[in-house]
PDB file of N, CA and C in Angstrom:
ATOM      1  N   MET A   1     114.196  61.496 143.619  1.00  0.00           N
ATOM      2  CA  MET A   1     115.515  60.549 144.358  1.00  0.00           C
ATOM      3  C   MET A   1     116.188  61.024 144.674  1.00  0.00           C
ATOM      4  N   ASP A   2     116.898  60.204 145.697  1.00  0.00           N
ATOM      5  CA  ASP A   2     117.743  60.374 146.243  1.00  0.00           C
ATOM      6  C   ASP A   2     118.869  60.390 145.273  1.00  0.00           C
ATOM      7  N   PRO A   3     120.228  61.385 145.276  1.00  0.00           N
ATOM      8  CA  PRO A   3     121.160  61.353 144.338  1.00  0.00           C
ATOM      9  C   PRO A   3     122.130  60.021 144.053  1.00  0.00           C
ATOM     10  N   LEU A   4     122.612  59.577 145.485  1.00  0.00           N
ATOM     11  CA  LEU A   4     123.548  58.828 145.918  1.00  0.00           C
ATOM     12  C   LEU A   4     122.843  57.195 145.315  1.00  0.00           C
ATOM     13  N   VAL A   5     121.600  56.994 144.924  1.00  0.00           N
ATOM     14  CA  VAL A   5     120.979  55.880 144.545  1.00  0.00           C
ATOM     15  C   VAL A   5     120.653  56.097 143.439  1.00  0.00           C
ATOM     16  N   HIS A   6     121.030  55.372 142.061  1.00  0.00           N
ATOM     17  CA  HIS A   6     120.358  54.447 140.987  1.00  0.00           C
ATOM     18  C   HIS A   6     118.878  54.906 140.963  1.00  0.00           C
ATOM     19  N   VAL A   7     118.095  55.128 140.266  1.00  0.00           N
ATOM     20  CA  VAL A   7     116.485  54.739 140.306  1.00  0.00           C
ATOM     21  C   VAL A   7     116.162  53.976 138.616  1.00  0.00           C
ATOM     22  N   SER A   8     116.038  52.829 138.641  1.00  0.00           N
ATOM     23  CA  SER A   8     115.298  52.582 137.620  1.00  0.00           C
ATOM     24  C   SER A   8     114.187  53.177 136.957  1.00  0.00           C
ATOM     25  N   GLU A   9     114.890  53.116 134.967  1.00  0.00           N
ATOM     26  CA  GLU A   9     113.602  53.721 134.738  1.00  0.00           C
ATOM     27  C   GLU A   9     112.097  53.450 134.872  1.00  0.00           C
ATOM     28  N   PRO A  10     112.078  52.243 134.893  1.00  0.00           N
ATOM     29  CA  PRO A  10     110.819  51.496 135.074  1.00  0.00           C
ATOM     30  C   PRO A  10     110.097  52.250 136.866  1.00  0.00           C
ATOM     31  N   ALA A  11     111.128  51.798 137.264  1.00  0.00           N
ATOM     32  CA  ALA A  11     110.502  52.912 139.307  1.00  0.00           C
ATOM     33  C   ALA A  11     110.452  54.232 138.926  1.00  0.00           C
ATOM     34  N   MET A  12     110.565  54.953 137.983  1.00  0.00           N
ATOM     35  CA  MET A  12     110.535  56.163 138.061  1.00  0.00           C
ATOM     36  C   MET A  12     109.200  56.280 137.353  1.00  0.00           C
ATOM     37  N   THR A  13     109.178  55.518 136.295  1.00  0.00           N
ATOM     38  CA  THR A  13     107.655  55.506 135.323  1.00  0.00           C
ATOM     39  C   THR A  13     106.643  55.510 135.984  1.00  0.00           C
ATOM     40  N   LEU A  14     106.699  54.429 137.166  1.00  0.00           N
ATOM     41  CA  LEU A  14     105.994  53.605 138.112  1.00  0.00           C
ATOM     42  C   LEU A  14     105.601  54.789 139.151  1.00  0.00           C
ATOM     43  N   LEU A  15     106.351  55.432 139.243  1.00  0.00           N
ATOM     44  CA  LEU A  15     106.173  56.610 140.736  1.00  0.00           C
ATOM     45  C   LEU A  15     105.463  57.836 140.074  1.00  0.00           C
ATOM     46  N   GLY A  16     105.495  58.134 139.024  1.00  0.00           N
ATOM     47  CA  GLY A  16     104.758  59.331 138.573  1.00  0.00           C
ATOM     48  C   GLY A  16     103.181  59.209 139.260  1.00  0.00           C
ATOM     49  N   PRO A  17     102.697  57.982 137.825  1.00  0.00           N
ATOM     50  CA  PRO A  17     101.185  57.670 137.813  1.00  0.00           C
ATOM     51  C   PRO A  17     100.467  57.609 139.305  1.00  0.00           C
ATOM     52  N   ALA A  18     101.526  56.762 140.439  1.00  0.00           N
ATOM     53  CA  ALA A  18     101.037  56.352 141.693  1.00  0.00           C
ATOM     54  C   ALA A  18     101.035  57.494 142.403  1.00  0.00           C
ATOM     55  N   ILE A  19     101.820  58.602 142.033  1.00  0.00           N
ATOM     56  CA  ILE A  19     101.375  59.375 142.936  1.00  0.00           C
ATOM     57  C   ILE A  19     100.376  60.217 142.426  1.00  0.00           C
ATOM     58  N   GLY A  20     100.467  60.945 140.930  1.00  0.00           N
ATOM     59  CA  GLY A  20      99.145  61.418 140.611  1.00  0.00           C
ATOM     60  C   GLY A  20      97.510  61.122 140.758  1.00  0.00           C
ATOM     61  N   GLY A  21      97.840  59.334 140.664  1.00  0.00           N
ATOM     62  CA  GLY A  21      96.890  58.575 140.571  1.00  0.00           C
ATOM     63  C   GLY A  21      96.127  58.589 142.039  1.00  0.00           C
ATOM     64  N   LEU A  22      96.908  58.772 142.772  1.00  0.00           N
ATOM     65  CA  LEU A  22      96.628  58.648 144.405  1.00  0.00           C
ATOM     66  C   LEU A  22      96.275  60.109 145.248  1.00  0.00           C
ATOM     67  N   GLY A  23      96.221  60.818 144.290  1.00  0.00           N
ATOM     68  CA  GLY A  23      96.246  62.272 145.435  1.00  0.00           C
ATOM     69  C   GLY A  23      97.187  62.536 146.296  1.00  0.00           C
ATOM     70  N   LEU A  24      98.476  61.803 146.075  1.00  0.00           N
ATOM     71  CA  LEU A  24      99.160  62.318 147.072  1.00  0.00           C
ATOM     72  C   LEU A  24     100.068  63.888 146.788  1.00  0.00           C
ATOM     73  N   ASN A  25     100.463  64.391 148.191  1.00  0.00           N
ATOM     74  CA  ASN A  25     101.287  65.721 147.697  1.00  0.00           C
ATOM     75  C   ASN A  25     102.899  65.423 148.094  1.00  0.00           C
ATOM     76  N   VAL A  26     103.667  66.607 147.530  1.00  0.00           N
ATOM     77  CA  VAL A  26     104.930  66.716 148.005  1.00  0.00           C
ATOM     78  C   VAL A  26     105.586  66.017 149.188  1.00  0.00           C
ATOM     79  N   ARG A  27     104.565  66.118 150.437  1.00  0.00           N
ATOM     80  CA  ARG A  27     105.013  65.664 151.618  1.00  0.00           C
ATOM     81  C   ARG A  27     105.221  64.202 151.219  1.00  0.00           C
ATOM     82  N   ALA A  28     103.792  63.768 150.887  1.00  0.00           N
ATOM     83  CA  ALA A  28     103.962  61.911 150.645  1.00  0.00           C
ATOM     84  C   ALA A  28     105.053  61.380 149.750  1.00  0.00           C
ATOM     85  N   TYR A  29     105.040  61.523 148.544  1.00  0.00           N
ATOM     86  CA  TYR A  29     106.395  61.606 147.803  1.00  0.00           C
ATOM     87  C   TYR A  29     107.826  61.570 148.498  1.00  0.00           C
ATOM     88  N   ASP A  30     107.953  62.918 149.660  1.00  0.00           N
ATOM     89  CA  ASP A  30     108.958  62.506 149.572  1.00  0.00           C
ATOM     90  C   ASP A  30     109.073  61.342 150.912  1.00  0.00           C
ATOM     91  N   LYS A  31     107.993  61.037 151.462  1.00  0.00           N
ATOM     92  CA  LYS A  31     108.012  59.873 152.211  1.00  0.00           C
ATOM     93  C   LYS A  31     108.086  58.345 151.443  1.00  0.00           C
ATOM     94  N   ILE A  32     107.690  58.432 150.569  1.00  0.00           N
ATOM     95  CA  ILE A  32     107.886  57.316 149.317  1.00  0.00           C
ATOM     96  C   ILE A  32     108.705  57.054 148.491  1.00  0.00           C
ATOM     97  N   ARG A  33     109.669  58.676 148.476  1.00  0.00           N
ATOM     98  CA  ARG A  33     111.290  58.245 148.366  1.00  0.00           C
ATOM     99  C   ARG A  33     112.140  57.689 149.143  1.00  0.00           C
ATOM    100  N   ARG A  34     111.953  58.393 150.243  1.00  0.00           N
ATOM    101  CA  ARG A  34     112.668  57.765 152.213  1.00  0.00           C
ATOM    102  C   ARG A  34     112.478  56.463 151.827  1.00  0.00           C
ATOM    103  N   VAL A  35     111.215  55.778 151.941  1.00  0.00           N
ATOM    104  CA  VAL A  35     111.122  54.443 152.493  1.00  0.00           C
ATOM    105  C   VAL A  35     111.655  53.553 150.820  1.00  0.00           C
ATOM    106  N   SER A  36     111.606  53.981 149.919  1.00  0.00           N
ATOM    107  CA  SER A  36     111.942  52.801 148.642  1.00  0.00           C
ATOM    108  C   SER A  36     113.572  52.791 149.148  1.00  0.00           C
ATOM    109  N   ARG A  37     114.435  54.266 148.990  1.00  0.00           N
ATOM    110  CA  ARG A  37     115.310  53.578 149.851  1.00  0.00           C
ATOM    111  C   ARG A  37     115.729  53.120 151.234  1.00  0.00           C
ATOM    112  N   THR A  38     114.940  53.205 152.022  1.00  0.00           N
ATOM    113  CA  THR A  38     115.296  52.249 153.132  1.00  0.00           C
ATOM    114  C   THR A  38     115.080  50.713 152.744  1.00  0.00           C
ATOM    115  N   VAL A  39     113.787  50.430 151.776  1.00  0.00           N
ATOM    116  CA  VAL A  39     113.502  49.339 151.318  1.00  0.00           C
ATOM    117  C   VAL A  39     114.575  48.327 150.128  1.00  0.00           C
ATOM    118  N   VAL A  40     115.323  49.520 149.800  1.00  0.00           N
ATOM    119  CA  VAL A  40     116.515  49.263 148.819  1.00  0.00           C
ATOM    120  C   VAL A  40     117.836  48.486 149.978  1.00  0.00           C
ATOM    121  N   ASP A  41     117.502  49.394 150.626  1.00  0.00           N
ATOM    122  CA  ASP A  41     118.750  49.133 151.570  1.00  0.00           C
ATOM    123  C   ASP A  41     118.831  47.742 152.391  1.00  0.00           C
ATOM    124  N   LEU A  42     117.529  47.525 152.791  1.00  0.00           N
ATOM    125  CA  LEU A  42     117.317  46.254 153.321  1.00  0.00           C
ATOM    126  C   LEU A  42     117.013  44.806 152.175  1.00  0.00           C
ATOM    127  N   ASP A  43     117.140  45.247 150.807  1.00  0.00           N
ATOM    128  CA  ASP A  43     117.302  44.533 149.828  1.00  0.00           C
ATOM    129  C   ASP A  43     118.552  43.971 149.829  1.00  0.00           C
ATOM    130  N   GLY A  44     119.245  45.222 149.908  1.00  0.00           N
ATOM    131  CA  GLY A  44     120.712  44.910 149.475  1.00  0.00           C
ATOM    132  C   GLY A  44     121.004  45.203 148.293  1.00  0.00           C
ATOM    133  N   LYS A  45     120.162  45.670 147.739  1.00  0.00           N
ATOM    134  CA  LYS A  45     120.620  46.222 146.071  1.00  0.00           C
ATOM    135  C   LYS A  45     121.418  47.961 146.232  1.00  0.00           C
ATOM    136  N   ASP A  46     121.554  48.259 144.971  1.00  0.00           N
ATOM    137  CA  ASP A  46     122.230  49.415 144.380  1.00  0.00           C
ATOM    138  C   ASP A  46     121.712  49.911 144.010  1.00  0.00           C
ATOM    139  N   GLU A  47     120.474  49.669 143.373  1.00  0.00           N
ATOM    140  CA  GLU A  47     119.124  50.381 142.346  1.00  0.00           C
ATOM    141  C   GLU A  47     117.714  50.540 142.806  1.00  0.00           C
ATOM    142  N   ILE A  48     117.328  51.413 143.017  1.00  0.00           N
ATOM    143  CA  ILE A  48     115.597  51.271 143.103  1.00  0.00           C
ATOM    144  C   ILE A  48     115.183  50.817 141.999  1.00  0.00           C
ATOM    145  N   GLY A  49     114.609  49.846 142.483  1.00  0.00           N
ATOM    146  CA  GLY A  49     113.725  49.294 141.148  1.00  0.00           C
ATOM    147  C   GLY A  49     111.765  49.473 141.382  1.00  0.00           C
ATOM    148  N   GLU A  50     111.097  49.251 140.429  1.00  0.00           N
ATOM    149  CA  GLU A  50     109.662  49.012 140.558  1.00  0.00           C
ATOM    150  C   GLU A  50     109.440  48.311 142.178  1.00  0.00           C
ATOM    151  N   ALA A  51     109.946  47.246 142.289  1.00  0.00           N
ATOM    152  CA  ALA A  51     109.534  46.257 143.260  1.00  0.00           C
ATOM    153  C   ALA A  51     109.700  46.981 144.745  1.00  0.00           C
ATOM    154  N   HIS A  52     110.661  47.657 144.619  1.00  0.00           N
ATOM    155  CA  HIS A  52     110.884  48.662 146.221  1.00  0.00           C
ATOM    156  C   HIS A  52     110.145  49.942 146.214  1.00  0.00           C
ATOM    157  N   VAL A  53     109.627  50.566 144.705  1.00  0.00           N
ATOM    158  CA  VAL A  53     108.562  51.810 144.819  1.00  0.00           C
ATOM    159  C   VAL A  53     107.020  51.109 145.090  1.00  0.00           C
ATOM    160  N   GLU A  54     106.819  49.854 144.734  1.00  0.00           N
ATOM    161  CA  GLU A  54     105.234  49.385 144.931  1.00  0.00           C
ATOM    162  C   GLU A  54     105.491  49.406 146.142  1.00  0.00           C
ATOM    163  N   THR A  55     105.927  48.374 146.954  1.00  0.00           N
ATOM    164  CA  THR A  55     106.403  48.181 148.339  1.00  0.00           C
ATOM    165  C   THR A  55     106.462  49.779 149.112  1.00  0.00           C
ATOM    166  N   ALA A  56     106.995  50.776 148.937  1.00  0.00           N
ATOM    167  CA  ALA A  56     106.723  51.992 149.864  1.00  0.00           C
ATOM    168  C   ALA A  56     105.656  52.787 149.305  1.00  0.00           C
ATOM    169  N   VAL A  57     105.019  52.952 148.327  1.00  0.00           N
ATOM    170  CA  VAL A  57     103.931  53.255 148.011  1.00  0.00           C
ATOM    171  C   VAL A  57     102.383  52.092 148.902  1.00  0.00           C
ATOM    172  N   GLN A  58     102.843  50.883 149.053  1.00  0.00           N
ATOM    173  CA  GLN A  58     101.587  50.058 149.650  1.00  0.00           C
ATOM    174  C   GLN A  58     101.770  50.602 151.135  1.00  0.00           C
ATOM    175  N   TYR A  59     103.621  50.696 151.748  1.00  0.00           N
ATOM    176  CA  TYR A  59     103.401  51.281 153.014  1.00  0.00           C
ATOM    177  C   TYR A  59     102.685  52.310 153.169  1.00  0.00           C
ATOM    178  N   ARG A  60     103.087  53.789 152.291  1.00  0.00           N
ATOM    179  CA  ARG A  60     102.244  54.745 152.559  1.00  0.00           C
ATOM    180  C   ARG A  60     100.760  54.959 152.069  1.00  0.00           C
ATOM    181  N   LEU A  61     100.330  54.334 151.330  1.00  0.00           N
ATOM    182  CA  LEU A  61      99.102  53.624 151.854  1.00  0.00           C
ATOM    183  C   LEU A  61      98.246  53.463 152.871  1.00  0.00           C
ATOM    184  N   LEU A  62      98.987  51.966 153.570  1.00  0.00           N
ATOM    185  CA  LEU A  62      98.214  51.813 154.953  1.00  0.00           C
ATOM    186  C   LEU A  62      98.773  52.937 156.065  1.00  0.00           C
ATOM    187  N   ASP A  63      99.604  53.656 155.776  1.00  0.00           N
ATOM    188  CA  ASP A  63      99.827  54.866 156.913  1.00  0.00           C
ATOM    189  C   ASP A  63      98.615  55.524 156.678  1.00  0.00           C
ATOM    190  N   ARG A  64      98.488  55.976 155.549  1.00  0.00           N
ATOM    191  CA  ARG A  64      97.324  56.674 154.985  1.00  0.00           C
ATOM    192  C   ARG A  64      95.707  56.785 155.471  1.00  0.00           C
ATOM    193  N   ARG A  65      95.500  55.445 155.662  1.00  0.00           N
ATOM    194  CA  ARG A  65      94.120  54.962 156.451  1.00  0.00           C
ATOM    195  C   ARG A  65      94.248  54.682 157.898  1.00  0.00           C
ATOM    196  N   VAL A  66      95.142  54.981 158.129  1.00  0.00           N
ATOM    197  CA  VAL A  66      95.484  54.824 159.458  1.00  0.00           C
ATOM    198  C   VAL A  66      94.823  56.226 160.409  1.00  0.00           C
TER     199      VAL A  66
END
């Protein structure tokens, strides 16, 4: 994740299985990381949480189906 943004432990715990379980590659991981950071910025928070990662994964899955 971004070294300038703190990532909560639950968010990191969620990210691993999401990547492995969905069969996503490193490029997809990077996109999820960047989208998570954007969601945090829009939310006005200083830490990436589970909800931010979940949102980013959902957007990635939408992008994958198109």
